């Protein structure tokens, strides 16, 4: 894959990728951007191995999800305080930063695979098949995580 082709494909997926990571990072825009940057660097380095067996977006989201998991594991080891994870980004207005606060707080309580499945399905409008490929699990398991995630979100979000 040429550099120009990679850049063209990334331009199309940049915002959806950021939204997905923003949901996984509970609204922490700085963290989501850091993970996105790491994912894009890894994808560029590995772009020669992209064979086109899946959609480029599926391949890229899988790399990003792996970067998120890597960061999450490292953060557990470093014992990051909760206050740092929930910090409001300084570059956003107060209204914008708190608009989805209840949703992000509910998403934060979900186990990782439920959170990822919910974010991909509802925020990024990905199919069950694509989610299965991104999360590296059977389609039935994706459906299970979506169902369980919806149930948990209903419990966590006060209507």
Protein backbone atom coordinates (compact mmCIF):
# COMPACT_ATOMS: atom_id res chain seq x y z
CA UNK A 1 0.00 0.00 0.00
CA UNK A 2 1.38 3.40 -0.92
CA UNK A 3 1.74 6.19 1.59
CA UNK A 4 -0.84 8.27 -0.30
CA UNK A 5 -3.37 5.42 -0.32
CA UNK A 6 -2.89 4.89 3.41
CA UNK A 7 -3.44 8.60 4.09
CA UNK A 8 -6.60 8.61 1.95
CA UNK A 9 -8.02 5.60 3.79
CA UNK A 10 -7.14 7.03 7.20
CA UNK A 11 -8.81 10.36 6.39
CA UNK A 12 -12.11 8.53 5.93
CA UNK A 13 -11.76 6.58 9.18
CA UNK A 14 -10.16 9.22 11.40
CA UNK A 15 -13.33 10.63 13.01
CA UNK A 16 -15.11 7.27 13.47
CA UNK A 17 -11.92 5.87 15.02
CA UNK A 18 -11.69 8.81 17.41
CA UNK A 19 -15.37 8.44 18.42
CA UNK A 20 -14.84 4.75 19.11
CA UNK A 21 -11.78 5.39 21.25
CA UNK A 22 -13.48 8.31 22.99
CA UNK A 23 -16.25 5.95 24.08
CA UNK A 24 -13.74 3.35 25.26
CA UNK A 25 -11.82 6.05 27.16
CA UNK A 26 -14.95 7.30 28.92
CA UNK A 27 -14.86 10.70 27.24
CA UNK A 28 -11.19 11.44 27.91
CA UNK A 29 -10.35 13.13 24.61
CA UNK A 30 -6.63 13.43 25.30
CA UNK A 31 -6.29 9.73 26.08
CA UNK A 32 -8.41 8.77 23.06
CA UNK A 33 -6.20 10.93 20.83
CA UNK A 34 -3.03 9.39 22.27
CA UNK A 35 -4.30 5.87 21.63
CA UNK A 36 -5.50 6.86 18.14
CA UNK A 37 -2.08 8.27 17.34
CA UNK A 38 -0.40 5.08 18.56
CA UNK A 39 -2.83 3.00 16.48
CA UNK A 40 -2.22 5.04 13.34
CA UNK A 41 1.54 4.74 13.72
CA UNK A 42 1.23 0.97 14.21
CA UNK A 43 -1.12 0.73 11.23
CA UNK A 44 1.24 2.71 9.01
CA UNK A 45 4.18 0.52 9.99
CA UNK A 46 2.08 -2.60 9.31
CA UNK A 47 0.35 -1.24 6.20
CA UNK A 48 2.43 -3.54 4.01
CA UNK A 49 0.80 -6.51 5.72
CA UNK A 50 -2.76 -5.34 4.96
CA UNK A 51 -3.97 -7.90 2.44
CA UNK A 52 -7.48 -6.59 1.92
CA UNK A 53 -9.10 -9.72 3.37
CA UNK A 54 -11.30 -7.43 5.45
CA UNK A 55 -12.28 -3.80 5.10
CA UNK A 56 -9.53 -1.31 5.89
CA UNK A 57 -11.69 0.16 8.66
CA UNK A 58 -12.09 -3.24 10.32
CA UNK A 59 -8.32 -3.79 10.20
CA UNK A 60 -7.63 -0.29 11.57
CA UNK A 61 -10.22 -0.58 14.36
CA UNK A 62 -8.71 -3.92 15.39
CA UNK A 63 -5.30 -2.29 15.71
CA UNK A 64 -6.84 0.58 17.69
CA UNK A 65 -8.67 -1.82 19.99
CA UNK A 66 -5.40 -3.68 20.62
CA UNK A 67 -3.72 -0.35 21.43
CA UNK A 68 -6.54 0.44 23.87
CA UNK A 69 -6.12 -2.98 25.53
CA UNK A 70 -2.34 -2.46 25.74
CA UNK A 71 -2.85 0.96 27.32
CA UNK A 72 -5.46 -0.42 29.72
CA UNK A 73 -3.08 -3.16 30.87
CA UNK A 74 -0.27 -0.67 31.34
CA UNK A 75 -2.56 1.72 33.22
CA UNK A 76 -3.54 -1.08 35.61
CA UNK A 77 0.10 -1.70 36.31
CA UNK A 78 0.76 2.01 36.83
CA UNK A 79 -2.36 2.38 39.05
CA UNK A 80 -3.66 5.56 37.41
CA UNK A 81 -5.96 7.42 39.82
CA UNK A 82 -9.63 7.60 38.81
CA UNK A 83 -9.51 11.43 38.92
CA UNK A 84 -6.98 11.47 36.09
CA UNK A 85 -9.17 9.26 33.89
CA UNK A 86 -12.27 11.36 34.49
CA UNK A 87 -10.53 14.72 34.06
CA UNK A 88 -12.34 17.14 31.76
CA UNK A 89 -10.20 18.09 28.76
CA UNK A 90 -9.15 21.74 29.01
CA UNK A 91 -9.79 22.43 25.32
CA UNK A 92 -13.53 21.72 25.48
CA UNK A 93 -16.26 23.97 26.81
CA UNK A 94 -17.94 22.94 30.02
CA UNK A 95 -21.23 22.18 28.28
CA UNK A 96 -19.60 20.01 25.63
CA UNK A 97 -17.45 18.18 28.18
CA UNK A 98 -20.43 17.26 30.34
CA UNK A 99 -22.98 16.60 27.60
CA UNK A 100 -22.36 12.87 27.63
CA UNK A 101 -21.06 12.59 31.18
CA UNK A 102 -23.82 10.23 32.32
CA UNK A 103 -23.30 7.98 29.30
CA UNK A 104 -19.52 7.89 29.78
CA UNK A 105 -19.94 7.13 33.47
CA UNK A 106 -22.28 4.26 32.61
CA UNK A 107 -19.89 3.01 29.89
CA UNK A 108 -17.03 3.14 32.37
CA UNK A 109 -18.83 0.60 34.54
CA UNK A 110 -19.15 -1.90 31.69
CA UNK A 111 -16.58 -4.66 31.25
CA UNK A 112 -14.18 -3.98 28.36
CA UNK A 113 -15.70 -6.26 25.74
CA UNK A 114 -19.25 -5.05 26.46
CA UNK A 115 -18.07 -1.44 26.21
CA UNK A 116 -16.26 -2.08 22.93
CA UNK A 117 -19.21 -3.95 21.40
CA UNK A 118 -21.65 -1.19 22.43
CA UNK A 119 -19.36 1.56 21.11
CA UNK A 120 -18.82 -0.16 17.76
CA UNK A 121 -22.47 -1.10 17.27
CA UNK A 122 -24.16 2.10 18.39
CA UNK A 123 -21.54 4.81 17.90
CA UNK A 124 -19.92 3.49 14.73
CA UNK A 125 -22.83 1.55 13.21
CA UNK A 126 -20.67 -1.54 12.65
CA UNK A 127 -22.25 -4.87 11.79
CA UNK A 128 -22.08 -7.87 14.10
CA UNK A 129 -19.70 -9.50 11.62
CA UNK A 130 -17.34 -6.50 11.62
CA UNK A 131 -17.43 -6.25 15.42
CA UNK A 132 -16.61 -9.95 15.66
CA UNK A 133 -13.59 -9.39 13.43
CA UNK A 134 -12.43 -6.28 15.30
CA UNK A 135 -12.80 -7.86 18.75
CA UNK A 136 -11.62 -11.29 17.57
CA UNK A 137 -14.61 -13.24 18.88
CA UNK A 138 -17.49 -15.27 17.40
CA UNK A 139 -20.60 -13.40 16.24
CA UNK A 140 -22.73 -15.11 18.89
CA UNK A 141 -20.40 -13.80 21.58
CA UNK A 142 -20.70 -10.27 20.16
CA UNK A 143 -24.49 -10.56 20.36
CA UNK A 144 -24.18 -11.76 23.94
CA UNK A 145 -21.94 -8.80 24.90
CA UNK A 146 -24.32 -6.36 23.19
CA UNK A 147 -27.31 -7.79 25.01
CA UNK A 148 -25.57 -7.80 28.36
CA UNK A 149 -24.15 -4.30 27.73
CA UNK A 150 -27.60 -2.90 26.93
CA UNK A 151 -29.00 -4.46 30.09
CA UNK A 152 -26.19 -3.01 32.19
CA UNK A 153 -26.51 0.44 30.60
CA UNK A 154 -30.23 0.50 31.37
CA UNK A 155 -29.40 -0.22 34.99
CA UNK A 156 -26.65 2.39 35.18
CA UNK A 157 -28.33 5.30 33.36
CA UNK A 158 -31.01 7.10 35.26
CA UNK A 159 -33.80 8.06 32.90
